[in-house]
Amino acid sequence: ITDNGETPAERLDFAVFDGSQTAAWEWLTSKHADEALTYPNLAYVAISQAQLGSSPSFDNHIFEVYGRYSHSSTLPDADPALIVYDLLTNPVYGAGYPADKIGDLSDFSDYCFATGMLISPALTEQRAAHEIIKELVESVNCAVVPTGGKIKIVPYGDEITTGNDVTFTPDLTPVYDLTDDDFIGDDEPVKVRRRRDADAFNRVQIEFTNRANQYNAETIEAKDQANIELYGLRSEDPRK
């Protein structure tokens, strides 16, 4: 039993399978050989003689799972760059996207580490890969950009940031320097349409499950107080 009340599964006589298994559970093989399946790429636990006490029902057990890309025991969440790459290329459950069509993700990784925006997504239902990746990338303040026949993920961060022994240094050098003479036609080459300040959201909320609080749902928010005082509170629906 650990300091926070957790018990390793092995201490409870559970057999733990992490998905890499090439053989079936030994107990099942010895008792029901015809039904002993390997279940590759599936993580599960099994127990042959559970102590039920005076009740015929099985106790509830809550398992905390460290994913394949968990960084460390002190930093158990994962690098979003690794997760995106895995979702695109993994031969078992990935999107089948060719690895040579993915650009350098080091800036994306450095930005997430430096700002502490590491993640542990639970993909519990079938969805299109591009939807998952778009949501994931936006949640850490980045954007997917197609360039040079490859996809690249660019952070919106524009300041040097250090954290978790990583420093993110943004490239602020302009890529292009265009004037009206570079465009064909008489219309204004660049037109900007923005929502009026009076119509814009001035309070945004993020809902997440907090590991430090037994994985209960919590909400954090950011507000533009000056805008609220001028135009009143306009809240965006919480993002999960």
C-alpha atoms as a PDB file:
ATOM      1  CA  ILE A   1       0.000   0.000   0.000  1.00  0.00           C
ATOM      2  CA  THR A   2       1.455   3.331  -1.070  1.00  0.00           C
ATOM      3  CA  ASP A   3       1.347   6.632   0.804  1.00  0.00           C
ATOM      4  CA  ASN A   4      -1.735   7.770  -1.106  1.00  0.00           C
ATOM      5  CA  GLY A   5      -3.699   4.600  -0.301  1.00  0.00           C
ATOM      6  CA  GLU A   6      -3.095   2.796  -3.579  1.00  0.00           C
ATOM      7  CA  THR A   7      -2.243  -0.898  -3.716  1.00  0.00           C
ATOM      8  CA  PRO A   8      -0.266  -2.464  -6.581  1.00  0.00           C
ATOM      9  CA  ALA A   9      -2.503  -4.917  -8.457  1.00  0.00           C
ATOM     10  CA  GLU A  10      -0.021  -7.733  -7.918  1.00  0.00           C
ATOM     11  CA  ARG A  11      -0.427  -7.393  -4.124  1.00  0.00           C
ATOM     12  CA  LEU A  12      -4.118  -8.266  -4.548  1.00  0.00           C
ATOM     13  CA  ASP A  13      -3.258 -11.468  -6.456  1.00  0.00           C
ATOM     14  CA  PHE A  14      -4.278  -9.971  -9.784  1.00  0.00           C
ATOM     15  CA  ALA A  15      -2.383 -11.059 -12.869  1.00  0.00           C
ATOM     16  CA  VAL A  16      -1.598  -7.908 -14.854  1.00  0.00           C
ATOM     17  CA  PHE A  17      -1.389  -7.897 -18.661  1.00  0.00           C
ATOM     18  CA  ASP A  18      -0.202  -4.695 -20.354  1.00  0.00           C
ATOM     19  CA  GLY A  19      -1.150  -5.539 -23.942  1.00  0.00           C
ATOM     20  CA  SER A  20       2.230  -6.914 -25.035  1.00  0.00           C
ATOM     21  CA  GLN A  21       1.377 -10.490 -24.034  1.00  0.00           C
ATOM     22  CA  THR A  22       2.037 -13.312 -26.493  1.00  0.00           C
ATOM     23  CA  ALA A  23       0.610 -16.082 -24.301  1.00  0.00           C
ATOM     24  CA  ALA A  24      -2.719 -16.609 -22.574  1.00  0.00           C
ATOM     25  CA  TRP A  25      -3.264 -16.399 -18.830  1.00  0.00           C
ATOM     26  CA  GLU A  26      -1.674 -19.514 -17.292  1.00  0.00           C
ATOM     27  CA  TRP A  27      -4.586 -20.298 -14.969  1.00  0.00           C
ATOM     28  CA  LEU A  28      -7.069 -20.155 -17.838  1.00  0.00           C
ATOM     29  CA  THR A  29      -4.806 -22.348 -19.958  1.00  0.00           C
ATOM     30  CA  SER A  30      -4.643 -24.970 -17.207  1.00  0.00           C
ATOM     31  CA  LYS A  31      -8.396 -25.003 -16.509  1.00  0.00           C
ATOM     32  CA  HIS A  32     -10.074 -24.070 -19.790  1.00  0.00           C
ATOM     33  CA  ALA A  33      -7.537 -24.541 -22.534  1.00  0.00           C
ATOM     34  CA  ASP A  34     -10.128 -24.246 -25.301  1.00  0.00           C
ATOM     35  CA  GLU A  35     -11.120 -20.787 -24.088  1.00  0.00           C
ATOM     36  CA  ALA A  36      -7.638 -19.467 -23.293  1.00  0.00           C
ATOM     37  CA  LEU A  37      -7.221 -16.477 -25.571  1.00  0.00           C
ATOM     38  CA  THR A  38      -4.153 -14.244 -25.789  1.00  0.00           C
ATOM     39  CA  TYR A  39      -5.918 -10.866 -26.116  1.00  0.00           C
ATOM     40  CA  PRO A  40      -2.944  -9.084 -27.751  1.00  0.00           C
ATOM     41  CA  ASN A  41      -2.902  -5.278 -27.608  1.00  0.00           C
ATOM     42  CA  LEU A  42      -5.451  -5.330 -24.779  1.00  0.00           C
ATOM     43  CA  ALA A  43      -4.530  -4.417 -21.203  1.00  0.00           C
ATOM     44  CA  TYR A  44      -6.436  -6.297 -18.513  1.00  0.00           C
ATOM     45  CA  VAL A  45      -6.185  -7.852 -15.067  1.00  0.00           C
ATOM     46  CA  ALA A  46      -7.329 -11.316 -14.000  1.00  0.00           C
ATOM     47  CA  ILE A  47      -7.742 -13.188 -10.713  1.00  0.00           C
ATOM     48  CA  SER A  48      -8.381 -16.876 -10.186  1.00  0.00           C
ATOM     49  CA  GLN A  49      -9.486 -16.991  -6.541  1.00  0.00           C
ATOM     50  CA  ALA A  50     -10.999 -13.730  -5.440  1.00  0.00           C
ATOM     51  CA  GLN A  51     -11.758 -13.447  -1.727  1.00  0.00           C
ATOM     52  CA  LEU A  52     -15.473 -12.594  -1.655  1.00  0.00           C
ATOM     53  CA  GLY A  53     -15.972 -12.971   2.095  1.00  0.00           C
ATOM     54  CA  SER A  54     -19.620 -13.368   3.043  1.00  0.00           C
ATOM     55  CA  SER A  55     -20.899 -11.669  -0.110  1.00  0.00           C
ATOM     56  CA  PRO A  56     -21.392 -13.396  -3.482  1.00  0.00           C
ATOM     57  CA  SER A  57     -20.606 -10.161  -5.341  1.00  0.00           C
ATOM     58  CA  PHE A  58     -17.200  -8.950  -6.466  1.00  0.00           C
ATOM     59  CA  ASP A  59     -15.768  -5.861  -4.774  1.00  0.00           C
ATOM     60  CA  ASN A  60     -15.364  -2.667  -6.763  1.00  0.00           C
ATOM     61  CA  HIS A  61     -11.815  -1.916  -7.793  1.00  0.00           C
ATOM     62  CA  ILE A  62     -10.607   1.320  -9.356  1.00  0.00           C
ATOM     63  CA  PHE A  63      -7.412   1.051 -11.384  1.00  0.00           C
ATOM     64  CA  GLU A  64      -5.066   3.909 -12.163  1.00  0.00           C
ATOM     65  CA  VAL A  65      -3.364   3.146 -15.458  1.00  0.00           C
ATOM     66  CA  TYR A  66      -0.084   4.612 -16.614  1.00  0.00           C
ATOM     67  CA  GLY A  67      -0.167   4.835 -20.398  1.00  0.00           C
ATOM     68  CA  ARG A  68       2.517   3.697 -22.780  1.00  0.00           C
ATOM     69  CA  TYR A  69       3.825   7.252 -23.161  1.00  0.00           C
ATOM     70  CA  SER A  70       3.705   8.327 -19.515  1.00  0.00           C
ATOM     71  CA  HIS A  71       6.843  10.396 -19.060  1.00  0.00           C
ATOM     72  CA  SER A  72       7.875   9.290 -15.565  1.00  0.00           C
ATOM     73  CA  SER A  73       6.489   8.401 -12.148  1.00  0.00           C
ATOM     74  CA  THR A  74       6.875  12.038 -11.070  1.00  0.00           C
ATOM     75  CA  LEU A  75       5.496  13.364 -14.365  1.00  0.00           C
ATOM     76  CA  PRO A  76       2.991  10.659 -15.313  1.00  0.00           C
ATOM     77  CA  ASP A  77       1.245  12.511 -18.130  1.00  0.00           C
ATOM     78  CA  ALA A  78       2.423  12.211 -21.718  1.00  0.00           C
ATOM     79  CA  ASP A  79       4.022  14.375 -24.377  1.00  0.00           C
ATOM     80  CA  PRO A  80       1.218  15.451 -26.784  1.00  0.00           C
ATOM     81  CA  ALA A  81       3.657  15.168 -29.711  1.00  0.00           C
ATOM     82  CA  LEU A  82       4.126  11.453 -29.017  1.00  0.00           C
ATOM     83  CA  ILE A  83       0.386  10.915 -28.744  1.00  0.00           C
ATOM     84  CA  VAL A  84      -0.359  12.690 -32.039  1.00  0.00           C
ATOM     85  CA  TYR A  85       2.384  10.769 -33.826  1.00  0.00           C
ATOM     86  CA  ASP A  86       1.064   7.487 -32.398  1.00  0.00           C
ATOM     87  CA  LEU A  87      -2.539   8.255 -33.370  1.00  0.00           C
ATOM     88  CA  LEU A  88      -1.410   8.929 -36.935  1.00  0.00           C
ATOM     89  CA  THR A  89       0.998   6.054 -37.477  1.00  0.00           C
ATOM     90  CA  ASN A  90       0.309   3.177 -35.059  1.00  0.00           C
ATOM     91  CA  PRO A  91      -0.226   0.014 -37.151  1.00  0.00           C
ATOM     92  CA  VAL A  92      -2.858  -1.445 -34.793  1.00  0.00           C
ATOM     93  CA  TYR A  93      -5.177   1.452 -33.942  1.00  0.00           C
ATOM     94  CA  GLY A  94      -3.690   4.443 -35.775  1.00  0.00           C
ATOM     95  CA  ALA A  95      -4.968   6.290 -38.834  1.00  0.00           C
ATOM     96  CA  GLY A  96      -2.471   4.656 -41.196  1.00  0.00           C
ATOM     97  CA  TYR A  97      -0.882   7.997 -42.001  1.00  0.00           C
ATOM     98  CA  PRO A  98       2.610   7.735 -43.542  1.00  0.00           C
ATOM     99  CA  ALA A  99       5.348   8.788 -41.120  1.00  0.00           C
ATOM    100  CA  ASP A 100       7.304  10.550 -43.879  1.00  0.00           C
ATOM    101  CA  LYS A 101       4.397  12.978 -44.279  1.00  0.00           C
ATOM    102  CA  ILE A 102       4.749  14.238 -40.693  1.00  0.00           C
ATOM    103  CA  GLY A 103       7.055  17.205 -40.136  1.00  0.00           C
ATOM    104  CA  ASP A 104       9.360  17.923 -37.218  1.00  0.00           C
ATOM    105  CA  LEU A 105       7.310  17.944 -33.995  1.00  0.00           C
ATOM    106  CA  SER A 106      10.150  19.059 -31.693  1.00  0.00           C
ATOM    107  CA  ASP A 107       8.831  22.632 -31.253  1.00  0.00           C
ATOM    108  CA  PHE A 108       5.409  21.222 -30.411  1.00  0.00           C
ATOM    109  CA  SER A 109       6.953  18.882 -27.840  1.00  0.00           C
ATOM    110  CA  ASP A 110       9.217  21.547 -26.312  1.00  0.00           C
ATOM    111  CA  TYR A 111       6.331  24.005 -25.973  1.00  0.00           C
ATOM    112  CA  CYS A 112       4.132  21.480 -24.183  1.00  0.00           C
ATOM    113  CA  PHE A 113       6.903  20.408 -21.790  1.00  0.00           C
ATOM    114  CA  ALA A 114       8.012  23.975 -21.061  1.00  0.00           C
ATOM    115  CA  THR A 115       4.459  25.114 -20.275  1.00  0.00           C
ATOM    116  CA  GLY A 116       3.556  21.933 -18.382  1.00  0.00           C
ATOM    117  CA  MET A 117       0.724  21.072 -20.773  1.00  0.00           C
ATOM    118  CA  LEU A 118       1.111  17.299 -20.784  1.00  0.00           C
ATOM    119  CA  ILE A 119      -1.949  15.108 -21.204  1.00  0.00           C
ATOM    120  CA  SER A 120      -3.528  11.711 -20.510  1.00  0.00           C
ATOM    121  CA  PRO A 121      -6.388  11.361 -23.002  1.00  0.00           C
ATOM    122  CA  ALA A 122      -8.900   8.566 -22.496  1.00  0.00           C
ATOM    123  CA  LEU A 123     -10.208   7.582 -25.935  1.00  0.00           C
ATOM    124  CA  THR A 124     -13.340   5.709 -24.866  1.00  0.00           C
ATOM    125  CA  GLU A 125     -15.409   5.910 -28.055  1.00  0.00           C
ATOM    126  CA  GLN A 126     -14.796   5.647 -31.783  1.00  0.00           C
ATOM    127  CA  ARG A 127     -14.215   8.995 -33.481  1.00  0.00           C
ATOM    128  CA  ALA A 128     -12.489  10.275 -36.594  1.00  0.00           C
ATOM    129  CA  ALA A 129      -8.748  10.664 -36.012  1.00  0.00           C
ATOM    130  CA  HIS A 130      -8.700  14.224 -37.344  1.00  0.00           C
ATOM    131  CA  GLU A 131     -11.339  15.243 -34.781  1.00  0.00           C
ATOM    132  CA  ILE A 132      -9.341  13.784 -31.899  1.00  0.00           C
ATOM    133  CA  ILE A 133      -6.094  15.383 -33.062  1.00  0.00           C
ATOM    134  CA  LYS A 134      -7.690  18.785 -33.694  1.00  0.00           C
ATOM    135  CA  GLU A 135      -9.240  18.803 -30.214  1.00  0.00           C
ATOM    136  CA  LEU A 136      -6.006  17.628 -28.603  1.00  0.00           C
ATOM    137  CA  VAL A 137      -3.819  20.182 -30.398  1.00  0.00           C
ATOM    138  CA  GLU A 138      -6.170  23.088 -29.694  1.00  0.00           C
ATOM    139  CA  SER A 139      -6.323  22.140 -26.008  1.00  0.00           C
ATOM    140  CA  VAL A 140      -2.581  22.821 -25.682  1.00  0.00           C
ATOM    141  CA  ASN A 141      -2.690  26.137 -27.606  1.00  0.00           C
ATOM    142  CA  CYS A 142      -1.271  24.888 -30.917  1.00  0.00           C
ATOM    143  CA  ALA A 143      -2.433  24.473 -34.518  1.00  0.00           C
ATOM    144  CA  VAL A 144      -2.020  21.868 -37.254  1.00  0.00           C
ATOM    145  CA  VAL A 145      -0.423  23.425 -40.338  1.00  0.00           C
ATOM    146  CA  PRO A 146       0.075  21.666 -43.706  1.00  0.00           C
ATOM    147  CA  THR A 147       3.335  22.792 -45.282  1.00  0.00           C
ATOM    148  CA  GLY A 148       5.673  21.381 -47.915  1.00  0.00           C
ATOM    149  CA  GLY A 149       3.590  18.244 -48.364  1.00  0.00           C
ATOM    150  CA  LYS A 150       3.768  17.459 -44.644  1.00  0.00           C
ATOM    151  CA  ILE A 151       1.758  18.309 -41.563  1.00  0.00           C
ATOM    152  CA  LYS A 152       3.380  20.335 -38.829  1.00  0.00           C
ATOM    153  CA  ILE A 153       2.088  21.464 -35.449  1.00  0.00           C
ATOM    154  CA  VAL A 154       2.891  25.057 -34.556  1.00  0.00           C
ATOM    155  CA  PRO A 155       2.552  26.509 -31.023  1.00  0.00           C
ATOM    156  CA  TYR A 156       0.816  29.851 -30.616  1.00  0.00           C
ATOM    157  CA  GLY A 157       3.246  30.727 -27.813  1.00  0.00           C
ATOM    158  CA  ASP A 158       5.405  33.762 -28.631  1.00  0.00           C
ATOM    159  CA  GLU A 159       7.566  34.003 -25.491  1.00  0.00           C
ATOM    160  CA  ILE A 160      10.600  32.057 -24.329  1.00  0.00           C
ATOM    161  CA  THR A 161       9.324  29.608 -21.709  1.00  0.00           C
ATOM    162  CA  THR A 162      11.179  27.162 -19.455  1.00  0.00           C
ATOM    163  CA  GLY A 163       9.771  24.259 -17.462  1.00  0.00           C
ATOM    164  CA  ASN A 164      10.391  20.563 -16.766  1.00  0.00           C
ATOM    165  CA  ASP A 165      14.037  21.027 -17.806  1.00  0.00           C
ATOM    166  CA  VAL A 166      12.954  22.138 -21.301  1.00  0.00           C
ATOM    167  CA  THR A 167      13.149  25.603 -22.877  1.00  0.00           C
ATOM    168  CA  PHE A 168      10.843  26.629 -25.713  1.00  0.00           C
ATOM    169  CA  THR A 169      12.193  29.411 -27.933  1.00  0.00           C
ATOM    170  CA  PRO A 170       9.699  30.674 -30.530  1.00  0.00           C
ATOM    171  CA  ASP A 171      10.828  31.656 -34.016  1.00  0.00           C
ATOM    172  CA  LEU A 172       9.489  35.178 -34.437  1.00  0.00           C
ATOM    173  CA  THR A 173      11.211  35.907 -37.754  1.00  0.00           C
ATOM    174  CA  PRO A 174       8.613  36.893 -40.402  1.00  0.00           C
ATOM    175  CA  VAL A 175       8.365  34.316 -43.174  1.00  0.00           C
ATOM    176  CA  TYR A 176       7.027  36.782 -45.750  1.00  0.00           C
ATOM    177  CA  ASP A 177       7.125  40.562 -46.199  1.00  0.00           C
ATOM    178  CA  LEU A 178       4.305  41.340 -48.624  1.00  0.00           C
ATOM    179  CA  THR A 179       2.932  44.681 -49.795  1.00  0.00           C
ATOM    180  CA  ASP A 180      -0.047  45.584 -51.979  1.00  0.00           C
ATOM    181  CA  ASP A 181       2.242  45.343 -55.033  1.00  0.00           C
ATOM    182  CA  ASP A 182       2.604  41.583 -54.497  1.00  0.00           C
ATOM    183  CA  PHE A 183      -1.109  40.925 -55.111  1.00  0.00           C
ATOM    184  CA  ILE A 184      -3.090  40.882 -58.357  1.00  0.00           C
ATOM    185  CA  GLY A 185      -6.258  42.958 -58.569  1.00  0.00           C
ATOM    186  CA  ASP A 186      -7.539  46.212 -57.164  1.00  0.00           C
ATOM    187  CA  ASP A 187      -9.341  44.836 -54.099  1.00  0.00           C
ATOM    188  CA  GLU A 188      -7.817  45.086 -50.670  1.00  0.00           C
ATOM    189  CA  PRO A 189      -5.510  42.033 -50.457  1.00  0.00           C
ATOM    190  CA  VAL A 190      -6.140  41.338 -46.779  1.00  0.00           C
ATOM    191  CA  LYS A 191      -9.512  41.707 -45.122  1.00  0.00           C
ATOM    192  CA  VAL A 192     -10.086  41.081 -41.430  1.00  0.00           C
ATOM    193  CA  ARG A 193     -13.480  40.258 -39.961  1.00  0.00           C
ATOM    194  CA  ARG A 194     -13.663  40.173 -36.188  1.00  0.00           C
ATOM    195  CA  ARG A 195     -16.521  39.756 -33.787  1.00  0.00           C
ATOM    196  CA  ARG A 196     -17.326  42.972 -31.978  1.00  0.00           C
ATOM    197  CA  ASP A 197     -15.890  43.242 -28.466  1.00  0.00           C
ATOM    198  CA  ALA A 198     -19.438  43.506 -27.180  1.00  0.00           C
ATOM    199  CA  ASP A 199     -20.272  40.101 -28.734  1.00  0.00           C
ATOM    200  CA  ALA A 200     -17.077  38.204 -27.890  1.00  0.00           C
ATOM    201  CA  PHE A 201     -16.822  35.716 -25.053  1.00  0.00           C
ATOM    202  CA  ASN A 202     -15.037  37.221 -22.062  1.00  0.00           C
ATOM    203  CA  ARG A 203     -15.060  34.130 -19.841  1.00  0.00           C
ATOM    204  CA  VAL A 204     -13.739  30.743 -20.960  1.00  0.00           C
ATOM    205  CA  GLN A 205     -13.819  27.519 -18.947  1.00  0.00           C
ATOM    206  CA  ILE A 206     -11.987  24.194 -19.144  1.00  0.00           C
ATOM    207  CA  GLU A 207     -13.334  21.078 -17.415  1.00  0.00           C
ATOM    208  CA  PHE A 208     -10.851  18.345 -16.529  1.00  0.00           C
ATOM    209  CA  THR A 209     -10.451  15.356 -14.219  1.00  0.00           C
ATOM    210  CA  ASN A 210      -8.028  16.078 -11.404  1.00  0.00           C
ATOM    211  CA  ARG A 211      -5.645  13.255 -10.495  1.00  0.00           C
ATOM    212  CA  ALA A 212      -4.821  15.004  -7.216  1.00  0.00           C
ATOM    213  CA  ASN A 213      -8.511  14.916  -6.245  1.00  0.00           C
ATOM    214  CA  GLN A 214      -9.465  11.281  -6.937  1.00  0.00           C
ATOM    215  CA  TYR A 215     -10.128  12.116 -10.603  1.00  0.00           C
ATOM    216  CA  ASN A 216     -13.147  14.243  -9.804  1.00  0.00           C
ATOM    217  CA  ALA A 217     -14.237  16.725 -12.458  1.00  0.00           C
ATOM    218  CA  GLU A 218     -13.095  20.308 -11.862  1.00  0.00           C
ATOM    219  CA  THR A 219     -13.378  23.524 -13.858  1.00  0.00           C
ATOM    220  CA  ILE A 220     -10.875  26.331 -14.279  1.00  0.00           C
ATOM    221  CA  GLU A 221     -11.594  29.648 -15.944  1.00  0.00           C
ATOM    222  CA  ALA A 222     -10.000  32.734 -17.443  1.00  0.00           C
ATOM    223  CA  LYS A 223     -11.806  36.079 -17.605  1.00  0.00           C
ATOM    224  CA  ASP A 224     -11.293  39.444 -19.289  1.00  0.00           C
ATOM    225  CA  GLN A 225     -12.452  41.590 -16.374  1.00  0.00           C
ATOM    226  CA  ALA A 226     -12.177  44.886 -18.259  1.00  0.00           C
ATOM    227  CA  ASN A 227     -14.415  43.569 -21.043  1.00  0.00           C
ATOM    228  CA  ILE A 228     -16.880  42.208 -18.479  1.00  0.00           C
ATOM    229  CA  GLU A 229     -17.179  45.601 -16.810  1.00  0.00           C
ATOM    230  CA  LEU A 230     -17.812  47.278 -20.176  1.00  0.00           C
ATOM    231  CA  TYR A 231     -20.206  44.804 -21.809  1.00  0.00           C
ATOM    232  CA  GLY A 232     -21.326  42.356 -19.132  1.00  0.00           C
ATOM    233  CA  LEU A 233     -20.442  38.705 -18.632  1.00  0.00           C
ATOM    234  CA  ARG A 234     -20.520  36.514 -21.755  1.00  0.00           C
ATOM    235  CA  SER A 235     -19.473  32.936 -20.898  1.00  0.00           C
ATOM    236  CA  GLU A 236     -18.451  30.301 -23.383  1.00  0.00           C
ATOM    237  CA  ASP A 237     -19.716  26.776 -22.645  1.00  0.00           C
ATOM    238  CA  PRO A 238     -17.094  24.747 -20.730  1.00  0.00           C
ATOM    239  CA  ARG A 239     -14.740  22.681 -22.864  1.00  0.00           C
ATOM    240  CA  LYS A 240     -14.049  19.191 -21.574  1.00  0.00           C
END
